[in-house]
Amino acid sequence: MIKRLILAALLTASLPAAAVAQTASRCMPNDEAAGLVTFALPTLVERLAERCRPTLPGNAYLSASSVAIADRYRADAASAWPVARKALEKLFDQFMGQPMPADFNSELARQLAGPMIATLLAEKVKTEDCAAASQTLETLTRLSGRETGRLVALAAAVADRKGDGIAGALRVCKPGMTR
């Protein structure tokens, strides 16, 4: 199973830009994108803190509070797995042209998916934007993981001015769009 997952990740990563652009023309409904973000949120906060630590002062909110924030989001992340899995199934089918293997529902697959998604998203934050990311997290700290996931997915949809989505692949439907 692990070999299949690694192979799927490698195949997806090696898709020609034209294939990615073609499949990115469809968008993911906001609720599914929110589930995906919510599911990856604890690890995303950790990866973002790692990425930004060299550029932020030690007392920056992201640097000082990332462990506590990630821990607070874990319960919502766990409950978001069914929606995130559904979104991943669609992405897998979209990019691989076949249904996702049934064994992807395993605990190991869940543990692999979170870090992969989080790393992909964290790498899209430019280091010069780390201070803004830290301030954003500080502002969002009163929201639950689920609410934060919804807000991030909505912001991604609205901010996608080029229409190529997150990482050139995951396009979130703008409000009012369903595909």
N, C-alpha and C. Protein backbone atom coordinates (compact mmCIF):
# COMPACT_ATOMS: atom_id res chain seq x y z
N MET A 1 0.81 -1.19 0.00
CA MET A 1 0.00 0.00 0.00
C MET A 1 0.86 1.26 0.00
N ILE A 2 1.90 1.29 0.82
CA ILE A 2 2.76 2.45 0.89
C ILE A 2 3.40 2.71 -0.47
N LYS A 3 3.80 1.63 -1.14
CA LYS A 3 4.40 1.80 -2.46
C LYS A 3 3.41 2.45 -3.42
N ARG A 4 2.15 2.06 -3.34
CA ARG A 4 1.13 2.65 -4.22
C ARG A 4 0.95 4.13 -3.93
N LEU A 5 0.93 4.49 -2.64
CA LEU A 5 0.77 5.89 -2.27
C LEU A 5 1.96 6.72 -2.74
N ILE A 6 3.15 6.20 -2.55
CA ILE A 6 4.34 6.92 -2.98
C ILE A 6 4.34 7.06 -4.49
N LEU A 7 3.98 5.98 -5.18
CA LEU A 7 3.90 6.02 -6.64
C LEU A 7 2.87 7.06 -7.10
N ALA A 8 1.71 7.09 -6.44
CA ALA A 8 0.68 8.07 -6.81
C ALA A 8 1.18 9.49 -6.59
N ALA A 9 1.86 9.73 -5.47
CA ALA A 9 2.40 11.07 -5.20
C ALA A 9 3.44 11.46 -6.24
N LEU A 10 4.31 10.52 -6.58
CA LEU A 10 5.34 10.80 -7.59
C LEU A 10 4.73 11.05 -8.96
N LEU A 11 3.74 10.25 -9.31
CA LEU A 11 3.09 10.44 -10.60
C LEU A 11 2.40 11.79 -10.67
N THR A 12 1.74 12.16 -9.60
CA THR A 12 1.06 13.45 -9.58
C THR A 12 2.07 14.58 -9.68
N ALA A 13 3.17 14.45 -8.95
CA ALA A 13 4.19 15.49 -8.98
C ALA A 13 4.87 15.60 -10.34
N SER A 14 4.89 14.50 -11.08
CA SER A 14 5.59 14.51 -12.36
C SER A 14 4.68 14.79 -13.56
N LEU A 15 3.43 15.10 -13.30
CA LEU A 15 2.53 15.40 -14.41
C LEU A 15 3.03 16.60 -15.20
N PRO A 16 2.91 16.56 -16.51
CA PRO A 16 3.31 17.72 -17.29
C PRO A 16 2.44 18.92 -16.92
N ALA A 17 3.02 20.11 -17.05
CA ALA A 17 2.29 21.33 -16.69
C ALA A 17 0.98 21.44 -17.44
N ALA A 18 0.94 20.98 -18.69
CA ALA A 18 -0.30 21.06 -19.47
C ALA A 18 -1.39 20.21 -18.85
N ALA A 19 -1.02 19.03 -18.35
CA ALA A 19 -2.02 18.15 -17.72
C ALA A 19 -2.53 18.76 -16.44
N VAL A 20 -1.63 19.36 -15.66
CA VAL A 20 -2.05 20.02 -14.42
C VAL A 20 -2.97 21.18 -14.74
N ALA A 21 -2.61 21.98 -15.74
CA ALA A 21 -3.44 23.12 -16.11
C ALA A 21 -4.81 22.68 -16.58
N GLN A 22 -4.87 21.59 -17.33
CA GLN A 22 -6.15 21.10 -17.83
C GLN A 22 -7.04 20.65 -16.68
N THR A 23 -6.49 19.88 -15.73
CA THR A 23 -7.30 19.40 -14.62
C THR A 23 -7.61 20.50 -13.63
N ALA A 24 -6.77 21.53 -13.57
CA ALA A 24 -7.00 22.63 -12.64
C ALA A 24 -8.16 23.51 -13.08
N SER A 25 -8.63 23.32 -14.32
CA SER A 25 -9.73 24.15 -14.78
C SER A 25 -11.01 23.86 -14.01
N ARG A 26 -11.13 22.68 -13.43
CA ARG A 26 -12.26 22.37 -12.56
C ARG A 26 -11.92 22.86 -11.17
N CYS A 27 -12.93 23.22 -10.41
CA CYS A 27 -12.64 23.69 -9.06
C CYS A 27 -13.25 22.76 -8.01
N MET A 28 -12.65 22.81 -6.83
CA MET A 28 -13.13 22.01 -5.71
C MET A 28 -14.13 22.85 -4.92
N PRO A 29 -15.29 22.27 -4.60
CA PRO A 29 -16.26 23.02 -3.78
C PRO A 29 -15.62 23.50 -2.48
N ASN A 30 -16.04 24.68 -2.05
CA ASN A 30 -15.44 25.30 -0.88
C ASN A 30 -15.48 24.42 0.36
N ASP A 31 -16.57 23.68 0.57
CA ASP A 31 -16.66 22.85 1.78
C ASP A 31 -15.63 21.72 1.76
N GLU A 32 -15.35 21.17 0.59
CA GLU A 32 -14.35 20.11 0.49
C GLU A 32 -12.94 20.69 0.68
N ALA A 33 -12.69 21.84 0.08
CA ALA A 33 -11.39 22.49 0.27
C ALA A 33 -11.19 22.85 1.74
N ALA A 34 -12.25 23.32 2.38
CA ALA A 34 -12.18 23.65 3.81
C ALA A 34 -11.87 22.41 4.63
N GLY A 35 -12.48 21.28 4.28
CA GLY A 35 -12.19 20.03 4.98
C GLY A 35 -10.74 19.61 4.81
N LEU A 36 -10.23 19.78 3.61
CA LEU A 36 -8.84 19.44 3.32
C LEU A 36 -7.89 20.33 4.13
N VAL A 37 -8.16 21.63 4.16
CA VAL A 37 -7.33 22.57 4.92
C VAL A 37 -7.44 22.27 6.42
N THR A 38 -8.66 22.07 6.90
CA THR A 38 -8.86 21.79 8.33
C THR A 38 -8.10 20.53 8.74
N PHE A 39 -8.18 19.51 7.90
CA PHE A 39 -7.48 18.25 8.16
C PHE A 39 -5.97 18.47 8.27
N ALA A 40 -5.41 19.31 7.41
CA ALA A 40 -3.97 19.53 7.37
C ALA A 40 -3.50 20.65 8.30
N LEU A 41 -4.42 21.36 8.91
CA LEU A 41 -4.10 22.58 9.66
C LEU A 41 -3.04 22.40 10.75
N PRO A 42 -3.13 21.40 11.63
CA PRO A 42 -2.09 21.30 12.66
C PRO A 42 -0.68 21.15 12.07
N THR A 43 -0.55 20.29 11.09
CA THR A 43 0.75 20.09 10.47
C THR A 43 1.15 21.30 9.64
N LEU A 44 0.18 21.96 9.03
CA LEU A 44 0.46 23.19 8.27
C LEU A 44 1.06 24.25 9.18
N VAL A 45 0.49 24.43 10.36
CA VAL A 45 1.02 25.41 11.32
C VAL A 45 2.46 25.03 11.68
N GLU A 46 2.70 23.75 11.93
CA GLU A 46 4.06 23.31 12.28
C GLU A 46 5.04 23.55 11.12
N ARG A 47 4.64 23.20 9.90
CA ARG A 47 5.51 23.38 8.74
C ARG A 47 5.76 24.87 8.46
N LEU A 48 4.73 25.66 8.64
CA LEU A 48 4.86 27.10 8.44
C LEU A 48 5.82 27.70 9.47
N ALA A 49 5.71 27.25 10.71
CA ALA A 49 6.62 27.73 11.75
C ALA A 49 8.07 27.35 11.41
N GLU A 50 8.28 26.13 10.94
CA GLU A 50 9.63 25.70 10.54
C GLU A 50 10.15 26.58 9.40
N ARG A 51 9.30 26.81 8.42
CA ARG A 51 9.70 27.58 7.25
C ARG A 51 10.01 29.03 7.63
N CYS A 52 9.22 29.59 8.52
CA CYS A 52 9.33 31.02 8.84
C CYS A 52 10.26 31.33 10.01
N ARG A 53 10.59 30.35 10.81
CA ARG A 53 11.40 30.61 12.00
C ARG A 53 12.67 31.42 11.71
N PRO A 54 13.41 31.13 10.63
CA PRO A 54 14.62 31.91 10.38
C PRO A 54 14.37 33.40 10.06
N THR A 55 13.17 33.73 9.62
CA THR A 55 12.90 35.11 9.22
C THR A 55 12.09 35.89 10.25
N LEU A 56 11.61 35.22 11.29
CA LEU A 56 10.78 35.89 12.29
C LEU A 56 11.53 36.07 13.60
N PRO A 57 11.21 37.12 14.33
CA PRO A 57 11.78 37.23 15.68
C PRO A 57 11.24 36.12 16.57
N GLY A 58 11.99 35.76 17.58
CA GLY A 58 11.58 34.67 18.47
C GLY A 58 10.26 34.90 19.17
N ASN A 59 9.88 36.16 19.35
CA ASN A 59 8.61 36.46 20.03
C ASN A 59 7.43 36.61 19.07
N ALA A 60 7.65 36.38 17.78
CA ALA A 60 6.54 36.43 16.82
C ALA A 60 5.54 35.34 17.19
N TYR A 61 4.29 35.61 16.98
CA TYR A 61 3.23 34.68 17.39
C TYR A 61 3.44 33.28 16.81
N LEU A 62 3.75 33.20 15.54
CA LEU A 62 3.95 31.90 14.89
C LEU A 62 5.12 31.16 15.51
N SER A 63 6.22 31.85 15.78
CA SER A 63 7.40 31.22 16.37
C SER A 63 7.12 30.76 17.80
N ALA A 64 6.47 31.61 18.57
CA ALA A 64 6.28 31.34 19.99
C ALA A 64 5.11 30.40 20.29
N SER A 65 4.11 30.35 19.41
CA SER A 65 2.87 29.65 19.75
C SER A 65 2.50 28.50 18.81
N SER A 66 3.36 28.15 17.88
CA SER A 66 2.97 27.15 16.87
C SER A 66 2.56 25.81 17.48
N VAL A 67 3.24 25.36 18.51
CA VAL A 67 2.91 24.06 19.12
C VAL A 67 1.51 24.12 19.73
N ALA A 68 1.23 25.17 20.47
CA ALA A 68 -0.09 25.32 21.09
C ALA A 68 -1.20 25.45 20.06
N ILE A 69 -0.93 26.20 19.00
CA ILE A 69 -1.94 26.37 17.94
C ILE A 69 -2.22 25.02 17.28
N ALA A 70 -1.17 24.33 16.90
CA ALA A 70 -1.33 23.03 16.24
C ALA A 70 -2.10 22.06 17.13
N ASP A 71 -1.76 22.03 18.40
CA ASP A 71 -2.46 21.14 19.34
C ASP A 71 -3.94 21.49 19.43
N ARG A 72 -4.24 22.78 19.43
CA ARG A 72 -5.64 23.21 19.53
C ARG A 72 -6.45 22.80 18.31
N TYR A 73 -5.81 22.74 17.14
CA TYR A 73 -6.50 22.40 15.90
C TYR A 73 -6.65 20.88 15.67
N ARG A 74 -5.99 20.06 16.46
CA ARG A 74 -5.97 18.61 16.18
C ARG A 74 -7.35 17.94 16.24
N ALA A 75 -8.19 18.32 17.18
CA ALA A 75 -9.51 17.69 17.27
C ALA A 75 -10.34 17.96 16.02
N ASP A 76 -10.35 19.20 15.56
CA ASP A 76 -11.08 19.52 14.34
C ASP A 76 -10.46 18.84 13.13
N ALA A 77 -9.13 18.71 13.13
CA ALA A 77 -8.44 18.04 12.02
C ALA A 77 -8.88 16.58 11.93
N ALA A 78 -8.96 15.92 13.06
CA ALA A 78 -9.36 14.51 13.07
C ALA A 78 -10.79 14.35 12.55
N SER A 79 -11.68 15.24 12.96
CA SER A 79 -13.07 15.11 12.50
C SER A 79 -13.25 15.52 11.04
N ALA A 80 -12.26 16.23 10.48
CA ALA A 80 -12.35 16.66 9.08
C ALA A 80 -11.87 15.58 8.11
N TRP A 81 -11.28 14.48 8.61
CA TRP A 81 -10.74 13.46 7.73
C TRP A 81 -11.75 12.90 6.72
N PRO A 82 -12.99 12.59 7.09
CA PRO A 82 -13.91 12.06 6.08
C PRO A 82 -14.13 13.01 4.89
N VAL A 83 -14.24 14.31 5.15
CA VAL A 83 -14.43 15.27 4.08
C VAL A 83 -13.12 15.42 3.29
N ALA A 84 -12.00 15.46 4.00
CA ALA A 84 -10.71 15.57 3.34
C ALA A 84 -10.45 14.35 2.46
N ARG A 85 -10.82 13.18 2.95
CA ARG A 85 -10.64 11.96 2.16
C ARG A 85 -11.47 12.02 0.88
N LYS A 86 -12.69 12.50 1.00
CA LYS A 86 -13.56 12.65 -0.18
C LYS A 86 -12.91 13.60 -1.20
N ALA A 87 -12.35 14.70 -0.71
CA ALA A 87 -11.68 15.65 -1.59
C ALA A 87 -10.45 15.01 -2.23
N LEU A 88 -9.70 14.24 -1.45
CA LEU A 88 -8.52 13.56 -1.98
C LEU A 88 -8.90 12.52 -3.02
N GLU A 89 -10.02 11.84 -2.80
CA GLU A 89 -10.50 10.86 -3.80
C GLU A 89 -10.74 11.55 -5.14
N LYS A 90 -11.36 12.72 -5.10
CA LYS A 90 -11.64 13.46 -6.33
C LYS A 90 -10.35 13.92 -7.00
N LEU A 91 -9.41 14.42 -6.19
CA LEU A 91 -8.13 14.85 -6.75
C LEU A 91 -7.37 13.67 -7.36
N PHE A 92 -7.39 12.55 -6.67
CA PHE A 92 -6.72 11.35 -7.17
C PHE A 92 -7.31 10.94 -8.51
N ASP A 93 -8.62 10.88 -8.57
CA ASP A 93 -9.30 10.49 -9.81
C ASP A 93 -9.01 11.51 -10.91
N GLN A 94 -9.01 12.78 -10.56
CA GLN A 94 -8.77 13.85 -11.52
C GLN A 94 -7.36 13.77 -12.10
N PHE A 95 -6.37 13.54 -11.26
CA PHE A 95 -4.98 13.53 -11.73
C PHE A 95 -4.51 12.17 -12.22
N MET A 96 -5.02 11.11 -11.62
CA MET A 96 -4.54 9.77 -11.98
C MET A 96 -5.45 9.08 -12.99
N GLY A 97 -6.67 9.59 -13.15
CA GLY A 97 -7.59 9.00 -14.11
C GLY A 97 -8.16 7.67 -13.66
N GLN A 98 -8.12 7.41 -12.38
CA GLN A 98 -8.67 6.17 -11.83
C GLN A 98 -9.07 6.42 -10.38
N PRO A 99 -9.96 5.59 -9.85
CA PRO A 99 -10.37 5.77 -8.46
C PRO A 99 -9.19 5.55 -7.51
N MET A 100 -9.26 6.23 -6.39
CA MET A 100 -8.24 6.06 -5.36
C MET A 100 -8.38 4.66 -4.76
N PRO A 101 -7.26 3.98 -4.48
CA PRO A 101 -7.34 2.64 -3.90
C PRO A 101 -8.12 2.66 -2.58
N ALA A 102 -8.90 1.61 -2.35
CA ALA A 102 -9.73 1.53 -1.14
C ALA A 102 -8.88 1.56 0.13
N ASP A 103 -7.67 1.04 0.07
CA ASP A 103 -6.85 1.01 1.28
C ASP A 103 -6.30 2.38 1.68
N PHE A 104 -6.63 3.41 0.90
CA PHE A 104 -6.23 4.75 1.26
C PHE A 104 -7.02 5.24 2.47
N ASN A 105 -8.03 4.52 2.88
CA ASN A 105 -8.83 4.89 4.04
C ASN A 105 -8.16 4.46 5.34
N SER A 106 -7.00 3.85 5.25
CA SER A 106 -6.33 3.34 6.44
C SER A 106 -5.75 4.46 7.29
N GLU A 107 -5.40 4.12 8.50
CA GLU A 107 -4.80 5.08 9.42
C GLU A 107 -3.44 5.56 8.89
N LEU A 108 -2.68 4.66 8.31
CA LEU A 108 -1.38 5.04 7.77
C LEU A 108 -1.53 6.06 6.64
N ALA A 109 -2.50 5.84 5.79
CA ALA A 109 -2.73 6.78 4.69
C ALA A 109 -3.13 8.15 5.23
N ARG A 110 -3.95 8.15 6.26
CA ARG A 110 -4.36 9.42 6.88
C ARG A 110 -3.13 10.14 7.44
N GLN A 111 -2.25 9.38 8.06
CA GLN A 111 -1.05 9.98 8.63
C GLN A 111 -0.09 10.51 7.56
N LEU A 112 -0.10 9.91 6.40
CA LEU A 112 0.75 10.38 5.30
C LEU A 112 0.15 11.59 4.58
N ALA A 113 -1.15 11.61 4.45
CA ALA A 113 -1.82 12.67 3.68
C ALA A 113 -1.68 14.03 4.34
N GLY A 114 -1.84 14.11 5.65
CA GLY A 114 -1.76 15.39 6.35
C GLY A 114 -0.44 16.11 6.12
N PRO A 115 0.68 15.45 6.39
CA PRO A 115 1.96 16.12 6.15
C PRO A 115 2.21 16.47 4.68
N MET A 116 1.75 15.63 3.76
CA MET A 116 1.95 15.95 2.34
C MET A 116 1.20 17.21 1.96
N ILE A 117 -0.04 17.32 2.38
CA ILE A 117 -0.85 18.50 2.07
C ILE A 117 -0.27 19.74 2.76
N ALA A 118 0.08 19.58 4.03
CA ALA A 118 0.61 20.71 4.80
C ALA A 118 1.91 21.22 4.21
N THR A 119 2.78 20.33 3.82
CA THR A 119 4.05 20.73 3.23
C THR A 119 3.82 21.47 1.91
N LEU A 120 2.94 20.94 1.10
CA LEU A 120 2.62 21.58 -0.18
C LEU A 120 2.12 23.01 0.05
N LEU A 121 1.22 23.19 1.01
CA LEU A 121 0.67 24.52 1.29
C LEU A 121 1.70 25.45 1.92
N ALA A 122 2.47 24.94 2.88
CA ALA A 122 3.47 25.78 3.56
C ALA A 122 4.53 26.28 2.60
N GLU A 123 4.90 25.45 1.64
CA GLU A 123 5.92 25.85 0.67
C GLU A 123 5.45 26.99 -0.23
N LYS A 124 4.14 27.19 -0.31
CA LYS A 124 3.61 28.27 -1.14
C LYS A 124 3.68 29.63 -0.45
N VAL A 125 3.97 29.64 0.84
CA VAL A 125 4.11 30.90 1.56
C VAL A 125 5.54 31.39 1.37
N LYS A 126 5.69 32.54 0.78
CA LYS A 126 7.02 33.12 0.56
C LYS A 126 7.57 33.58 1.91
N THR A 127 8.87 33.42 2.09
CA THR A 127 9.46 33.79 3.38
C THR A 127 9.26 35.27 3.69
N GLU A 128 9.16 36.11 2.67
CA GLU A 128 8.92 37.53 2.94
C GLU A 128 7.48 37.76 3.44
N ASP A 129 6.63 36.75 3.35
CA ASP A 129 5.26 36.86 3.85
C ASP A 129 5.07 36.22 5.22
N CYS A 130 6.16 35.79 5.83
CA CYS A 130 6.05 35.10 7.13
C CYS A 130 5.48 35.99 8.23
N ALA A 131 5.87 37.26 8.26
CA ALA A 131 5.33 38.16 9.29
C ALA A 131 3.82 38.29 9.13
N ALA A 132 3.36 38.40 7.89
CA ALA A 132 1.92 38.48 7.64
C ALA A 132 1.23 37.18 8.04
N ALA A 133 1.87 36.04 7.76
CA ALA A 133 1.30 34.75 8.15
C ALA A 133 1.19 34.65 9.67
N SER A 134 2.19 35.11 10.36
CA SER A 134 2.18 35.09 11.83
C SER A 134 1.05 35.98 12.37
N GLN A 135 0.91 37.17 11.80
CA GLN A 135 -0.15 38.08 12.24
C GLN A 135 -1.53 37.50 11.91
N THR A 136 -1.64 36.86 10.77
CA THR A 136 -2.91 36.24 10.39
C THR A 136 -3.29 35.15 11.38
N LEU A 137 -2.34 34.29 11.71
CA LEU A 137 -2.63 33.23 12.69
C LEU A 137 -3.02 33.81 14.04
N GLU A 138 -2.35 34.88 14.43
CA GLU A 138 -2.69 35.52 15.71
C GLU A 138 -4.13 36.04 15.67
N THR A 139 -4.53 36.61 14.54
CA THR A 139 -5.89 37.12 14.38
C THR A 139 -6.90 35.98 14.39
N LEU A 140 -6.54 34.86 13.77
CA LEU A 140 -7.46 33.72 13.67
C LEU A 140 -7.50 32.86 14.92
N THR A 141 -6.69 33.16 15.90
CA THR A 141 -6.54 32.28 17.06
C THR A 141 -7.85 32.04 17.82
N ARG A 142 -8.78 32.93 17.72
CA ARG A 142 -10.05 32.76 18.43
C ARG A 142 -10.99 31.81 17.70
N LEU A 143 -10.68 31.51 16.44
CA LEU A 143 -11.54 30.62 15.65
C LEU A 143 -11.15 29.16 15.87
N SER A 144 -12.11 28.29 15.70
CA SER A 144 -11.82 26.85 15.76
C SER A 144 -11.05 26.45 14.51
N GLY A 145 -10.52 25.25 14.53
CA GLY A 145 -9.84 24.73 13.35
C GLY A 145 -10.78 24.65 12.16
N ARG A 146 -12.01 24.25 12.41
CA ARG A 146 -13.01 24.15 11.33
C ARG A 146 -13.30 25.52 10.72
N GLU A 147 -13.48 26.53 11.57
CA GLU A 147 -13.75 27.88 11.07
C GLU A 147 -12.53 28.44 10.33
N THR A 148 -11.35 28.15 10.84
CA THR A 148 -10.12 28.61 10.19
C THR A 148 -9.98 27.95 8.82
N GLY A 149 -10.25 26.66 8.74
CA GLY A 149 -10.20 25.95 7.46
C GLY A 149 -11.15 26.55 6.45
N ARG A 150 -12.36 26.86 6.91
CA ARG A 150 -13.36 27.48 6.00
C ARG A 150 -12.88 28.83 5.51
N LEU A 151 -12.33 29.63 6.42
CA LEU A 151 -11.87 30.96 6.05
C LEU A 151 -10.67 30.89 5.09
N VAL A 152 -9.75 29.97 5.34
CA VAL A 152 -8.58 29.82 4.46
C VAL A 152 -9.02 29.37 3.07
N ALA A 153 -9.95 28.42 2.99
CA ALA A 153 -10.44 27.96 1.69
C ALA A 153 -11.13 29.10 0.94
N LEU A 154 -11.94 29.87 1.63
CA LEU A 154 -12.61 31.02 1.01
C LEU A 154 -11.59 32.05 0.54
N ALA A 155 -10.61 32.34 1.37
CA ALA A 155 -9.58 33.31 0.98
C ALA A 155 -8.79 32.81 -0.23
N ALA A 156 -8.51 31.52 -0.28
CA ALA A 156 -7.79 30.95 -1.43
C ALA A 156 -8.60 31.12 -2.71
N ALA A 157 -9.90 30.91 -2.61
CA ALA A 157 -10.76 31.06 -3.79
C ALA A 157 -10.78 32.50 -4.27
N VAL A 158 -10.92 33.42 -3.35
CA VAL A 158 -11.01 34.84 -3.70
C VAL A 158 -9.67 35.37 -4.19
N ALA A 159 -8.58 34.93 -3.58
CA ALA A 159 -7.25 35.44 -3.92
C ALA A 159 -6.67 34.84 -5.20
N ASP A 160 -7.28 33.80 -5.72
CA ASP A 160 -6.76 33.12 -6.90
C ASP A 160 -7.06 33.93 -8.16
N ARG A 161 -6.34 35.00 -8.34
CA ARG A 161 -6.57 35.90 -9.46
C ARG A 161 -6.13 35.30 -10.80
N LYS A 162 -5.12 34.45 -10.78
CA LYS A 162 -4.61 33.85 -12.01
C LYS A 162 -5.46 32.66 -12.46
N GLY A 163 -6.23 32.10 -11.54
CA GLY A 163 -7.07 30.96 -11.89
C GLY A 163 -6.33 29.64 -11.96
N ASP A 164 -5.10 29.59 -11.42
CA ASP A 164 -4.37 28.33 -11.47
C ASP A 164 -4.37 27.59 -10.14
N GLY A 165 -5.04 28.13 -9.16
CA GLY A 165 -5.23 27.44 -7.89
C GLY A 165 -3.99 27.38 -7.02
N ILE A 166 -4.12 26.62 -5.96
CA ILE A 166 -3.03 26.42 -5.02
C ILE A 166 -2.06 25.42 -5.64
N ALA A 167 -0.81 25.78 -5.69
CA ALA A 167 0.25 24.92 -6.24
C ALA A 167 -0.01 24.58 -7.70
N GLY A 168 -0.79 25.40 -8.37
CA GLY A 168 -1.05 25.16 -9.77
C GLY A 168 -1.95 23.97 -10.02
N ALA A 169 -2.60 23.46 -8.97
CA ALA A 169 -3.41 22.26 -9.15
C ALA A 169 -4.76 22.33 -8.45
N LEU A 170 -4.79 22.77 -7.22
CA LEU A 170 -6.03 22.76 -6.44
C LEU A 170 -6.70 24.12 -6.56
N ARG A 171 -7.71 24.17 -7.39
CA ARG A 171 -8.47 25.40 -7.57
C ARG A 171 -9.74 25.31 -6.75
N VAL A 172 -9.93 26.25 -5.83
CA VAL A 172 -11.11 26.28 -4.98
C VAL A 172 -12.16 27.12 -5.68
N CYS A 173 -13.38 26.61 -5.73
CA CYS A 173 -14.48 27.33 -6.38
C CYS A 173 -14.72 28.65 -5.67
N LYS A 174 -14.91 29.68 -6.43
CA LYS A 174 -15.27 30.98 -5.85
C LYS A 174 -16.69 30.87 -5.29
N PRO A 175 -17.03 31.71 -4.33
CA PRO A 175 -18.38 31.65 -3.76
C PRO A 175 -19.44 31.70 -4.87
N GLY A 176 -20.41 30.83 -4.78
CA GLY A 176 -21.47 30.75 -5.77
C GLY A 176 -21.20 29.76 -6.87
N MET A 177 -19.95 29.32 -7.04
CA MET A 177 -19.60 28.31 -8.06
C MET A 177 -19.60 26.93 -7.40
N THR A 178 -19.95 25.92 -8.16
CA THR A 178 -19.90 24.57 -7.60
C THR A 178 -18.95 23.67 -8.36
N ARG A 179 -18.43 24.06 -9.48
CA ARG A 179 -17.44 23.25 -10.24
C ARG A 179 -16.68 24.12 -11.16
